Amino acid sequence: MPTAETWKNKSPLIAKMRETMAVNHLSPSTIESYIHWAACFCSWADCGSAECLEGSMVERYLTHLAVNKKVSASTQNQSFNALLYLFRNVLKKELGKIDSCRAKTSQHVPEWLTKPELSELFKELDGDWLLMAQLGYGTGLRLMELLRLRVKDLDFGNGHIKVHDGKGGKDRLVTMPKSLCNPLKLKIEEVKIIHSKDLKDGCGEVWMPGLLAKKYPSAPKDIKWQYLFPSREICRANDGALRRHHLFPNGFQTALRLAGQRAKIIKRVHPHILRHSFATHFLENGGNLQMLQKLLGHKSVETTMIYTHCVDLNAARSPLDQL
């Protein structure tokens, strides 16, 4: 039986799926996730060709994940979305009714940092890591939304930041923290210096989404399209072009983890905890739940409502303290 890795690297079906997702402008992380599940499914089905793959197999596979693999509900849903894309967009088949055994849904209260903990964390950071941490907490941006910010996304006049192609392919606006206006302006000046040097060295291009590079040939070298947090080194892209990408996620993740250790914070400190902290403190300060939903970019207000548990915990008094 070919392994999932074999399917991923050698299967024409998986290659076609990857190409289809790229044409439809799915994010790189979504592409890799869907490819993983499609390859695992094909390996499990053990079919000699794509023609033998049927919707009934998907139902049995999802049941297999829930019963034998004990995956979470979110993992099972991710697998289902990947296989739905495979069948509809690549195989051109309809799945029909899927009545698989569902994985247990668990609702966890998110972990967040207190304001004193955040202050201690920020003391242990400097440079780009400090600005990114403050911006992540001050806006509630997801890690990749933060890393993919470009110079043009910052609107100082109106006091907001535009998030392009967030989760679900949606754009949204978030409030720019006033305390970060000057640091962000200084950061843009730093980016301009780096970009000017790159242009002199015969580089200076940045990756452009979709077909914008063909539509606007000069845009890749325009300062407004440059990443706000550019990488230290110029990288060679898959097409052979030399470009300065944005900072990679693992650098920021490591910096936060080590800063949390130095600040003696017991909780696991990672980029997403800044988003949880933003949401919790926003509601604590009297913020509106529907406004928080828009700022976080949640599709459903039910997703946002989990943060009400955090606020309720802070507001409730123990009976012991009233004796």
C-alpha atoms as a PDB file:
ATOM      1  CA  MET A   1       0.000   0.000   0.000  1.00  0.00           C
ATOM      2  CA  PRO A   2       1.514   3.369  -1.012  1.00  0.00           C
ATOM      3  CA  THR A   3       2.076   5.634   1.982  1.00  0.00           C
ATOM      4  CA  ALA A   4       0.575   9.112   2.351  1.00  0.00           C
ATOM      5  CA  GLU A   5       4.022  10.566   1.671  1.00  0.00           C
ATOM      6  CA  THR A   6       4.232   8.622  -1.590  1.00  0.00           C
ATOM      7  CA  TRP A   7       0.823   9.914  -2.672  1.00  0.00           C
ATOM      8  CA  LYS A   8       1.827  13.453  -1.747  1.00  0.00           C
ATOM      9  CA  ASN A   9       5.056  13.427  -3.745  1.00  0.00           C
ATOM     10  CA  LYS A  10       4.287  11.161  -6.719  1.00  0.00           C
ATOM     11  CA  SER A  11       0.539  11.140  -7.374  1.00  0.00           C
ATOM     12  CA  PRO A  12      -0.701  13.076 -10.460  1.00  0.00           C
ATOM     13  CA  LEU A  13      -4.048  13.475  -8.634  1.00  0.00           C
ATOM     14  CA  ILE A  14      -2.438  15.245  -5.677  1.00  0.00           C
ATOM     15  CA  ALA A  15      -0.340  17.366  -8.046  1.00  0.00           C
ATOM     16  CA  LYS A  16      -3.510  18.398  -9.885  1.00  0.00           C
ATOM     17  CA  MET A  17      -5.203  19.231  -6.580  1.00  0.00           C
ATOM     18  CA  ARG A  18      -2.264  21.415  -5.543  1.00  0.00           C
ATOM     19  CA  GLU A  19      -2.376  23.227  -8.891  1.00  0.00           C
ATOM     20  CA  THR A  20      -6.154  23.748  -8.658  1.00  0.00           C
ATOM     21  CA  MET A  21      -5.877  25.241  -5.163  1.00  0.00           C
ATOM     22  CA  ALA A  22      -3.092  27.567  -6.270  1.00  0.00           C
ATOM     23  CA  VAL A  23      -5.223  28.800  -9.185  1.00  0.00           C
ATOM     24  CA  ASN A  24      -8.099  29.426  -6.741  1.00  0.00           C
ATOM     25  CA  HIS A  25      -5.738  31.456  -4.518  1.00  0.00           C
ATOM     26  CA  LEU A  26      -6.037  29.320  -1.389  1.00  0.00           C
ATOM     27  CA  SER A  27      -3.479  30.230   1.255  1.00  0.00           C
ATOM     28  CA  PRO A  28      -0.236  28.179   1.388  1.00  0.00           C
ATOM     29  CA  SER A  29      -1.139  26.797   4.831  1.00  0.00           C
ATOM     30  CA  THR A  30      -4.587  25.680   3.598  1.00  0.00           C
ATOM     31  CA  ILE A  31      -3.019  24.059   0.537  1.00  0.00           C
ATOM     32  CA  GLU A  32      -0.568  22.058   2.637  1.00  0.00           C
ATOM     33  CA  SER A  33      -3.299  21.030   5.080  1.00  0.00           C
ATOM     34  CA  TYR A  34      -5.667  19.872   2.311  1.00  0.00           C
ATOM     35  CA  ILE A  35      -2.853  18.027   0.505  1.00  0.00           C
ATOM     36  CA  HIS A  36      -1.993  16.203   3.723  1.00  0.00           C
ATOM     37  CA  TRP A  37      -5.555  14.968   4.254  1.00  0.00           C
ATOM     38  CA  ALA A  38      -6.091  14.074   0.592  1.00  0.00           C
ATOM     39  CA  ALA A  39      -2.876  12.009   0.599  1.00  0.00           C
ATOM     40  CA  CYS A  40      -3.830  10.283   3.882  1.00  0.00           C
ATOM     41  CA  PHE A  41      -7.272   9.456   2.479  1.00  0.00           C
ATOM     42  CA  CYS A  42      -5.874   8.034  -0.768  1.00  0.00           C
ATOM     43  CA  SER A  43      -3.377   5.921   1.152  1.00  0.00           C
ATOM     44  CA  TRP A  44      -6.150   4.614   3.441  1.00  0.00           C
ATOM     45  CA  ALA A  45      -8.485   3.891   0.484  1.00  0.00           C
ATOM     46  CA  ASP A  46      -5.664   1.958  -1.256  1.00  0.00           C
ATOM     47  CA  CYS A  47      -7.098   2.542  -4.736  1.00  0.00           C
ATOM     48  CA  GLY A  48      -5.064   1.979  -7.838  1.00  0.00           C
ATOM     49  CA  SER A  49      -6.553   4.983  -9.618  1.00  0.00           C
ATOM     50  CA  ALA A  50      -8.589   8.117  -8.936  1.00  0.00           C
ATOM     51  CA  GLU A  51     -11.616   6.643 -10.748  1.00  0.00           C
ATOM     52  CA  CYS A  52     -12.290   4.169  -7.934  1.00  0.00           C
ATOM     53  CA  LEU A  53     -12.583   6.873  -5.259  1.00  0.00           C
ATOM     54  CA  GLU A  54     -16.218   7.200  -4.170  1.00  0.00           C
ATOM     55  CA  GLY A  55     -18.155   9.359  -1.721  1.00  0.00           C
ATOM     56  CA  SER A  56     -19.029   6.345   0.443  1.00  0.00           C
ATOM     57  CA  MET A  57     -15.315   5.963   1.146  1.00  0.00           C
ATOM     58  CA  VAL A  58     -15.231   9.463   2.614  1.00  0.00           C
ATOM     59  CA  GLU A  59     -17.979   8.534   5.074  1.00  0.00           C
ATOM     60  CA  ARG A  60     -16.053   5.428   6.179  1.00  0.00           C
ATOM     61  CA  TYR A  61     -12.784   7.365   6.394  1.00  0.00           C
ATOM     62  CA  LEU A  62     -14.270  10.104   8.603  1.00  0.00           C
ATOM     63  CA  THR A  63     -15.703   7.413  10.873  1.00  0.00           C
ATOM     64  CA  HIS A  64     -12.253   5.778  10.947  1.00  0.00           C
ATOM     65  CA  LEU A  65     -10.705   9.077  12.069  1.00  0.00           C
ATOM     66  CA  ALA A  66     -13.234   9.535  14.870  1.00  0.00           C
ATOM     67  CA  VAL A  67     -13.391   5.942  16.132  1.00  0.00           C
ATOM     68  CA  ASN A  68      -9.898   4.554  15.531  1.00  0.00           C
ATOM     69  CA  LYS A  69      -7.700   7.648  15.419  1.00  0.00           C
ATOM     70  CA  LYS A  70      -9.646   9.525  18.150  1.00  0.00           C
ATOM     71  CA  VAL A  71      -9.174  12.862  16.374  1.00  0.00           C
ATOM     72  CA  SER A  72     -10.893  16.031  17.590  1.00  0.00           C
ATOM     73  CA  ALA A  73     -13.998  17.463  15.946  1.00  0.00           C
ATOM     74  CA  SER A  74     -12.010  20.311  14.386  1.00  0.00           C
ATOM     75  CA  THR A  75      -9.487  17.869  12.886  1.00  0.00           C
ATOM     76  CA  GLN A  76     -12.281  15.722  11.463  1.00  0.00           C
ATOM     77  CA  ASN A  77     -13.937  18.820   9.971  1.00  0.00           C
ATOM     78  CA  GLN A  78     -10.648  19.900   8.412  1.00  0.00           C
ATOM     79  CA  SER A  79     -10.271  16.485   6.823  1.00  0.00           C
ATOM     80  CA  PHE A  80     -13.840  16.613   5.516  1.00  0.00           C
ATOM     81  CA  ASN A  81     -13.284  20.070   3.963  1.00  0.00           C
ATOM     82  CA  ALA A  82     -10.142  18.809   2.236  1.00  0.00           C
ATOM     83  CA  LEU A  83     -11.918  15.773   0.787  1.00  0.00           C
ATOM     84  CA  LEU A  84     -14.926  17.854  -0.232  1.00  0.00           C
ATOM     85  CA  TYR A  85     -12.550  20.094  -2.204  1.00  0.00           C
ATOM     86  CA  LEU A  86     -10.851  17.060  -3.744  1.00  0.00           C
ATOM     87  CA  PHE A  87     -14.103  15.529  -4.963  1.00  0.00           C
ATOM     88  CA  ARG A  88     -15.835  18.716  -6.137  1.00  0.00           C
ATOM     89  CA  ASN A  89     -12.958  20.612  -7.702  1.00  0.00           C
ATOM     90  CA  VAL A  90     -10.550  17.891  -8.840  1.00  0.00           C
ATOM     91  CA  LEU A  91     -12.495  14.654  -9.323  1.00  0.00           C
ATOM     92  CA  LYS A  92     -15.674  16.532 -10.373  1.00  0.00           C
ATOM     93  CA  LYS A  93     -17.820  14.212  -8.266  1.00  0.00           C
ATOM     94  CA  GLU A  94     -20.461  15.003  -5.653  1.00  0.00           C
ATOM     95  CA  LEU A  95     -20.030  13.381  -2.261  1.00  0.00           C
ATOM     96  CA  GLY A  96     -23.734  13.014  -1.550  1.00  0.00           C
ATOM     97  CA  LYS A  97     -24.993  12.619   2.008  1.00  0.00           C
ATOM     98  CA  ILE A  98     -22.223  11.946   4.527  1.00  0.00           C
ATOM     99  CA  ASP A  99     -23.471  10.264   7.688  1.00  0.00           C
ATOM    100  CA  SER A 100     -20.246   9.392   9.455  1.00  0.00           C
ATOM    101  CA  CYS A 101     -19.616   8.975  13.161  1.00  0.00           C
ATOM    102  CA  ARG A 102     -18.773  12.439  14.470  1.00  0.00           C
ATOM    103  CA  ALA A 103     -15.820  13.189  16.715  1.00  0.00           C
ATOM    104  CA  LYS A 104     -16.609  14.645  20.132  1.00  0.00           C
ATOM    105  CA  THR A 105     -16.814  18.414  20.210  1.00  0.00           C
ATOM    106  CA  SER A 106     -15.080  19.972  23.192  1.00  0.00           C
ATOM    107  CA  GLN A 107     -15.313  23.606  24.195  1.00  0.00           C
ATOM    108  CA  HIS A 108     -12.157  24.900  25.862  1.00  0.00           C
ATOM    109  CA  VAL A 109     -11.862  28.246  27.584  1.00  0.00           C
ATOM    110  CA  PRO A 110      -8.892  29.983  25.939  1.00  0.00           C
ATOM    111  CA  GLU A 111      -5.822  30.889  27.964  1.00  0.00           C
ATOM    112  CA  TRP A 112      -4.888  34.567  28.067  1.00  0.00           C
ATOM    113  CA  LEU A 113      -2.314  36.820  29.714  1.00  0.00           C
ATOM    114  CA  THR A 114      -3.154  39.353  32.390  1.00  0.00           C
ATOM    115  CA  LYS A 115      -2.127  42.972  31.909  1.00  0.00           C
ATOM    116  CA  PRO A 116       0.757  42.683  34.433  1.00  0.00           C
ATOM    117  CA  GLU A 117       1.962  39.545  32.610  1.00  0.00           C
ATOM    118  CA  LEU A 118       1.860  41.386  29.290  1.00  0.00           C
ATOM    119  CA  SER A 119       3.882  44.258  30.747  1.00  0.00           C
ATOM    120  CA  GLU A 120       6.540  41.838  31.998  1.00  0.00           C
ATOM    121  CA  LEU A 121       6.558  40.029  28.635  1.00  0.00           C
ATOM    122  CA  PHE A 122       7.101  43.264  26.687  1.00  0.00           C
ATOM    123  CA  LYS A 123      10.056  44.155  28.947  1.00  0.00           C
ATOM    124  CA  GLU A 124      11.810  40.993  27.732  1.00  0.00           C
ATOM    125  CA  LEU A 125      11.413  41.853  24.023  1.00  0.00           C
ATOM    126  CA  ASP A 126      12.956  44.460  21.762  1.00  0.00           C
ATOM    127  CA  GLY A 127      13.166  45.458  18.092  1.00  0.00           C
ATOM    128  CA  ASP A 128      10.783  43.788  15.663  1.00  0.00           C
ATOM    129  CA  TRP A 129       9.748  41.170  18.220  1.00  0.00           C
ATOM    130  CA  LEU A 130       8.518  43.839  20.650  1.00  0.00           C
ATOM    131  CA  LEU A 131       6.641  45.770  17.960  1.00  0.00           C
ATOM    132  CA  MET A 132       5.050  42.586  16.620  1.00  0.00           C
ATOM    133  CA  ALA A 133       3.987  41.478  20.100  1.00  0.00           C
ATOM    134  CA  GLN A 134       2.490  44.875  20.908  1.00  0.00           C
ATOM    135  CA  LEU A 135       0.727  44.990  17.535  1.00  0.00           C
ATOM    136  CA  GLY A 136      -0.560  41.429  17.936  1.00  0.00           C
ATOM    137  CA  TYR A 137      -2.000  42.252  21.346  1.00  0.00           C
ATOM    138  CA  GLY A 138      -3.218  45.712  20.314  1.00  0.00           C
ATOM    139  CA  THR A 139      -5.150  44.504  17.248  1.00  0.00           C
ATOM    140  CA  GLY A 140      -5.918  40.808  17.811  1.00  0.00           C
ATOM    141  CA  LEU A 141      -4.365  39.842  14.474  1.00  0.00           C
ATOM    142  CA  ARG A 142      -3.580  36.211  13.753  1.00  0.00           C
ATOM    143  CA  LEU A 143       0.101  35.334  13.353  1.00  0.00           C
ATOM    144  CA  MET A 144       0.121  35.169   9.534  1.00  0.00           C
ATOM    145  CA  GLU A 145      -2.077  38.273   9.241  1.00  0.00           C
ATOM    146  CA  LEU A 146       0.557  40.093  11.276  1.00  0.00           C
ATOM    147  CA  LEU A 147       3.505  38.777   9.269  1.00  0.00           C
ATOM    148  CA  ARG A 148       1.864  39.549   5.906  1.00  0.00           C
ATOM    149  CA  LEU A 149       1.171  43.218   6.643  1.00  0.00           C
ATOM    150  CA  ARG A 150       2.487  45.554   3.934  1.00  0.00           C
ATOM    151  CA  VAL A 151       3.387  49.228   4.131  1.00  0.00           C
ATOM    152  CA  LYS A 152       0.218  50.236   2.283  1.00  0.00           C
ATOM    153  CA  ASP A 153      -2.007  48.444   4.833  1.00  0.00           C
ATOM    154  CA  LEU A 154      -1.324  51.083   7.491  1.00  0.00           C
ATOM    155  CA  ASP A 155      -3.698  54.058   7.278  1.00  0.00           C
ATOM    156  CA  PHE A 156      -2.448  56.607   9.814  1.00  0.00           C
ATOM    157  CA  GLY A 157      -4.954  59.257   8.687  1.00  0.00           C
ATOM    158  CA  ASN A 158      -7.982  57.130   9.490  1.00  0.00           C
ATOM    159  CA  GLY A 159      -6.312  55.232  12.311  1.00  0.00           C
ATOM    160  CA  HIS A 160      -6.847  51.717  11.038  1.00  0.00           C
ATOM    161  CA  ILE A 161      -4.982  48.737   9.583  1.00  0.00           C
ATOM    162  CA  LYS A 162      -6.376  46.757   6.656  1.00  0.00           C
ATOM    163  CA  VAL A 163      -6.102  42.981   6.782  1.00  0.00           C
ATOM    164  CA  HIS A 164      -6.083  41.469   3.289  1.00  0.00           C
ATOM    165  CA  ASP A 165      -7.167  37.916   2.583  1.00  0.00           C
ATOM    166  CA  GLY A 166      -7.615  36.887   6.204  1.00  0.00           C
ATOM    167  CA  LYS A 167      -9.054  33.553   7.292  1.00  0.00           C
ATOM    168  CA  GLY A 168     -11.787  32.577   4.862  1.00  0.00           C
ATOM    169  CA  GLY A 169     -10.328  34.899   2.199  1.00  0.00           C
ATOM    170  CA  LYS A 170     -11.986  37.974   3.757  1.00  0.00           C
ATOM    171  CA  ASP A 171     -10.635  41.510   4.167  1.00  0.00           C
ATOM    172  CA  ARG A 172     -11.337  43.548   7.295  1.00  0.00           C
ATOM    173  CA  LEU A 173     -10.268  46.674   9.168  1.00  0.00           C
ATOM    174  CA  VAL A 174      -8.823  46.765  12.691  1.00  0.00           C
ATOM    175  CA  THR A 175      -8.128  49.785  14.865  1.00  0.00           C
ATOM    176  CA  MET A 176      -4.518  50.984  14.899  1.00  0.00           C
ATOM    177  CA  PRO A 177      -3.304  51.449  18.505  1.00  0.00           C
ATOM    178  CA  LYS A 178      -2.486  55.144  18.928  1.00  0.00           C
ATOM    179  CA  SER A 179       0.496  54.313  21.116  1.00  0.00           C
ATOM    180  CA  LEU A 180       2.073  52.441  18.192  1.00  0.00           C
ATOM    181  CA  CYS A 181       1.697  55.172  15.546  1.00  0.00           C
ATOM    182  CA  ASN A 182       5.217  56.561  16.009  1.00  0.00           C
ATOM    183  CA  PRO A 183       6.932  53.140  16.292  1.00  0.00           C
ATOM    184  CA  LEU A 184       5.109  52.020  13.125  1.00  0.00           C
ATOM    185  CA  LYS A 185       6.149  55.167  11.250  1.00  0.00           C
ATOM    186  CA  LEU A 186       9.751  54.557  12.302  1.00  0.00           C
ATOM    187  CA  LYS A 187       9.420  50.958  11.122  1.00  0.00           C
ATOM    188  CA  ILE A 188       8.249  52.132   7.699  1.00  0.00           C
ATOM    189  CA  GLU A 189      11.296  54.415   7.456  1.00  0.00           C
ATOM    190  CA  GLU A 190      13.473  51.405   8.264  1.00  0.00           C
ATOM    191  CA  VAL A 191      11.738  49.385   5.529  1.00  0.00           C
ATOM    192  CA  LYS A 192      12.364  52.223   3.067  1.00  0.00           C
ATOM    193  CA  ILE A 193      16.093  52.154   3.810  1.00  0.00           C
ATOM    194  CA  ILE A 194      16.253  48.369   3.344  1.00  0.00           C
ATOM    195  CA  HIS A 195      14.220  48.587   0.131  1.00  0.00           C
ATOM    196  CA  SER A 196      16.394  51.382  -1.275  1.00  0.00           C
ATOM    197  CA  LYS A 197      19.512  49.274  -0.716  1.00  0.00           C
ATOM    198  CA  ASP A 198      17.849  46.247  -2.333  1.00  0.00           C
ATOM    199  CA  LEU A 199      17.010  48.305  -5.429  1.00  0.00           C
ATOM    200  CA  LYS A 200      20.624  49.481  -5.706  1.00  0.00           C
ATOM    201  CA  ASP A 201      21.734  45.842  -5.485  1.00  0.00           C
ATOM    202  CA  GLY A 202      19.442  44.907  -8.379  1.00  0.00           C
ATOM    203  CA  CYS A 203      16.741  43.303  -6.223  1.00  0.00           C
ATOM    204  CA  GLY A 204      13.826  44.971  -4.435  1.00  0.00           C
ATOM    205  CA  GLU A 205      10.979  42.784  -5.694  1.00  0.00           C
ATOM    206  CA  VAL A 206       8.322  41.390  -3.389  1.00  0.00           C
ATOM    207  CA  TRP A 207       5.835  38.578  -3.955  1.00  0.00           C
ATOM    208  CA  MET A 208       2.480  39.797  -5.294  1.00  0.00           C
ATOM    209  CA  PRO A 209      -0.867  38.041  -4.763  1.00  0.00           C
ATOM    210  CA  GLY A 210      -2.811  36.632  -7.707  1.00  0.00           C
ATOM    211  CA  LEU A 211      -2.057  38.189 -11.077  1.00  0.00           C
ATOM    212  CA  LEU A 212      -1.239  41.669  -9.750  1.00  0.00           C
ATOM    213  CA  ALA A 213       2.393  41.349 -10.815  1.00  0.00           C
ATOM    214  CA  LYS A 214       1.281  40.902 -14.443  1.00  0.00           C
ATOM    215  CA  LYS A 215      -1.369  43.597 -14.235  1.00  0.00           C
ATOM    216  CA  TYR A 216       0.967  46.106 -12.569  1.00  0.00           C
ATOM    217  CA  PRO A 217       4.550  45.187 -13.598  1.00  0.00           C
ATOM    218  CA  SER A 218       6.146  47.958 -11.513  1.00  0.00           C
ATOM    219  CA  ALA A 219       4.193  47.138  -8.325  1.00  0.00           C
ATOM    220  CA  PRO A 220       6.579  44.434  -6.975  1.00  0.00           C
ATOM    221  CA  LYS A 221       9.284  47.104  -6.576  1.00  0.00           C
ATOM    222  CA  ASP A 222       6.945  49.781  -5.189  1.00  0.00           C
ATOM    223  CA  ILE A 223       7.628  50.656  -1.527  1.00  0.00           C
ATOM    224  CA  LYS A 224       3.940  50.484  -0.610  1.00  0.00           C
ATOM    225  CA  TRP A 225       3.835  46.752  -1.434  1.00  0.00           C
ATOM    226  CA  GLN A 226       6.870  45.882   0.702  1.00  0.00           C
ATOM    227  CA  TYR A 227       6.317  43.818   3.830  1.00  0.00           C
ATOM    228  CA  LEU A 228       6.216  45.734   7.107  1.00  0.00           C
ATOM    229  CA  PHE A 229       8.339  43.046   8.750  1.00  0.00           C
ATOM    230  CA  PRO A 230      10.798  41.978   6.020  1.00  0.00           C
ATOM    231  CA  SER A 231      13.093  38.996   6.470  1.00  0.00           C
ATOM    232  CA  ARG A 232      16.759  39.541   7.280  1.00  0.00           C
ATOM    233  CA  GLU A 233      17.896  37.828   4.088  1.00  0.00           C
ATOM    234  CA  ILE A 234      16.834  37.856   0.439  1.00  0.00           C
ATOM    235  CA  CYS A 235      15.460  34.452  -0.580  1.00  0.00           C
ATOM    236  CA  ARG A 236      15.280  32.658  -3.912  1.00  0.00           C
ATOM    237  CA  ALA A 237      11.641  31.858  -4.677  1.00  0.00           C
ATOM    238  CA  ASN A 238      10.322  28.732  -6.407  1.00  0.00           C
ATOM    239  CA  ASP A 239      10.285  30.578  -9.740  1.00  0.00           C
ATOM    240  CA  GLY A 240      13.970  31.456  -9.335  1.00  0.00           C
ATOM    241  CA  ALA A 241      13.418  35.155  -8.541  1.00  0.00           C
ATOM    242  CA  LEU A 242      15.307  36.818  -5.687  1.00  0.00           C
ATOM    243  CA  ARG A 243      12.856  38.444  -3.278  1.00  0.00           C
ATOM    244  CA  ARG A 244      12.782  39.688   0.297  1.00  0.00           C
ATOM    245  CA  HIS A 245       9.996  37.763   2.019  1.00  0.00           C
ATOM    246  CA  HIS A 246       8.363  38.605   5.350  1.00  0.00           C
ATOM    247  CA  LEU A 247       9.740  37.234   8.623  1.00  0.00           C
ATOM    248  CA  PHE A 248       9.079  33.545   9.130  1.00  0.00           C
ATOM    249  CA  PRO A 249       6.667  32.411  11.877  1.00  0.00           C
ATOM    250  CA  ASN A 250       9.133  30.294  13.857  1.00  0.00           C
ATOM    251  CA  GLY A 251      11.357  33.292  14.669  1.00  0.00           C
ATOM    252  CA  PHE A 252       8.549  35.197  16.376  1.00  0.00           C
ATOM    253  CA  GLN A 253       7.201  32.073  18.054  1.00  0.00           C
ATOM    254  CA  THR A 254      10.614  31.300  19.545  1.00  0.00           C
ATOM    255  CA  ALA A 255      11.173  34.904  20.649  1.00  0.00           C
ATOM    256  CA  LEU A 256       7.829  34.954  22.497  1.00  0.00           C
ATOM    257  CA  ARG A 257       8.435  31.587  24.152  1.00  0.00           C
ATOM    258  CA  LEU A 258      11.875  32.603  25.446  1.00  0.00           C
ATOM    259  CA  ALA A 259      10.599  36.016  26.575  1.00  0.00           C
ATOM    260  CA  GLY A 260       7.815  34.276  28.507  1.00  0.00           C
ATOM    261  CA  GLN A 261      10.383  32.088  30.241  1.00  0.00           C
ATOM    262  CA  ARG A 262      12.542  35.085  31.173  1.00  0.00           C
ATOM    263  CA  ALA A 263       9.451  36.898  32.474  1.00  0.00           C
ATOM    264  CA  LYS A 264       8.671  33.785  34.590  1.00  0.00           C
ATOM    265  CA  ILE A 265       5.209  33.412  33.071  1.00  0.00           C
ATOM    266  CA  ILE A 266       3.871  29.923  33.821  1.00  0.00           C
ATOM    267  CA  LYS A 267       1.441  29.906  30.881  1.00  0.00           C
ATOM    268  CA  ARG A 268       2.535  28.809  27.411  1.00  0.00           C
ATOM    269  CA  VAL A 269       3.376  32.055  25.621  1.00  0.00           C
ATOM    270  CA  HIS A 270       2.761  31.968  21.858  1.00  0.00           C
ATOM    271  CA  PRO A 271       1.432  34.417  19.213  1.00  0.00           C
ATOM    272  CA  HIS A 272      -2.202  33.309  19.512  1.00  0.00           C
ATOM    273  CA  ILE A 273      -2.302  33.993  23.255  1.00  0.00           C
ATOM    274  CA  LEU A 274      -1.899  37.683  22.358  1.00  0.00           C
ATOM    275  CA  ARG A 275      -5.106  37.424  20.297  1.00  0.00           C
ATOM    276  CA  HIS A 276      -6.910  35.751  23.212  1.00  0.00           C
ATOM    277  CA  SER A 277      -5.649  38.484  25.530  1.00  0.00           C
ATOM    278  CA  PHE A 278      -6.850  41.224  23.170  1.00  0.00           C
ATOM    279  CA  ALA A 279     -10.353  39.715  22.979  1.00  0.00           C
ATOM    280  CA  THR A 280     -10.660  39.181  26.741  1.00  0.00           C
ATOM    281  CA  HIS A 281      -9.472  42.670  27.645  1.00  0.00           C
ATOM    282  CA  PHE A 282     -11.632  44.238  24.921  1.00  0.00           C
ATOM    283  CA  LEU A 283     -14.748  42.766  26.562  1.00  0.00           C
ATOM    284  CA  GLU A 284     -13.500  43.621  30.054  1.00  0.00           C
ATOM    285  CA  ASN A 285     -13.275  47.254  28.978  1.00  0.00           C
ATOM    286  CA  GLY A 286     -16.952  47.213  27.957  1.00  0.00           C
ATOM    287  CA  GLY A 287     -16.465  46.377  24.281  1.00  0.00           C
ATOM    288  CA  ASN A 288     -19.360  45.134  22.180  1.00  0.00           C
ATOM    289  CA  LEU A 289     -19.481  41.422  21.249  1.00  0.00           C
ATOM    290  CA  GLN A 290     -20.525  42.132  17.641  1.00  0.00           C
ATOM    291  CA  MET A 291     -17.706  44.671  17.258  1.00  0.00           C
ATOM    292  CA  LEU A 292     -15.234  42.127  18.639  1.00  0.00           C
ATOM    293  CA  GLN A 293     -16.499  39.605  16.089  1.00  0.00           C
ATOM    294  CA  LYS A 294     -15.701  42.063  13.276  1.00  0.00           C
ATOM    295  CA  LEU A 295     -12.275  42.926  14.674  1.00  0.00           C
ATOM    296  CA  LEU A 296     -11.313  39.266  15.054  1.00  0.00           C
ATOM    297  CA  GLY A 297     -12.722  38.314  11.651  1.00  0.00           C
ATOM    298  CA  HIS A 298     -14.944  35.536  12.995  1.00  0.00           C
ATOM    299  CA  LYS A 299     -17.572  34.162  10.624  1.00  0.00           C
ATOM    300  CA  SER A 300     -19.982  33.380  13.456  1.00  0.00           C
ATOM    301  CA  VAL A 301     -20.615  35.298  16.672  1.00  0.00           C
ATOM    302  CA  GLU A 302     -20.773  31.916  18.434  1.00  0.00           C
ATOM    303  CA  THR A 303     -17.015  31.614  17.933  1.00  0.00           C
ATOM    304  CA  THR A 304     -16.505  35.018  19.550  1.00  0.00           C
ATOM    305  CA  MET A 305     -18.787  34.183  22.488  1.00  0.00           C
ATOM    306  CA  ILE A 306     -16.189  31.859  23.985  1.00  0.00           C
ATOM    307  CA  TYR A 307     -14.409  34.959  25.311  1.00  0.00           C
ATOM    308  CA  THR A 308     -17.436  35.828  27.424  1.00  0.00           C
ATOM    309  CA  HIS A 309     -16.468  32.860  29.614  1.00  0.00           C
ATOM    310  CA  CYS A 310     -13.136  34.549  30.328  1.00  0.00           C
ATOM    311  CA  VAL A 311     -14.805  37.817  31.342  1.00  0.00           C
ATOM    312  CA  ASP A 312     -17.447  36.019  33.426  1.00  0.00           C
ATOM    313  CA  LEU A 313     -14.712  34.217  35.333  1.00  0.00           C
ATOM    314  CA  ASN A 314     -13.066  37.539  36.186  1.00  0.00           C
ATOM    315  CA  ALA A 315     -16.359  39.106  37.286  1.00  0.00           C
ATOM    316  CA  ALA A 316     -17.525  36.230  39.487  1.00  0.00           C
ATOM    317  CA  ARG A 317     -16.623  36.334  43.178  1.00  0.00           C
ATOM    318  CA  SER A 318     -15.916  33.235  45.192  1.00  0.00           C
ATOM    319  CA  PRO A 319     -18.346  32.669  48.100  1.00  0.00           C
ATOM    320  CA  LEU A 320     -15.297  32.121  50.307  1.00  0.00           C
ATOM    321  CA  ASP A 321     -14.199  35.736  49.775  1.00  0.00           C
ATOM    322  CA  GLN A 322     -17.612  36.956  51.023  1.00  0.00           C
ATOM    323  CA  LEU A 323     -17.463  35.243  54.410  1.00  0.00           C
END
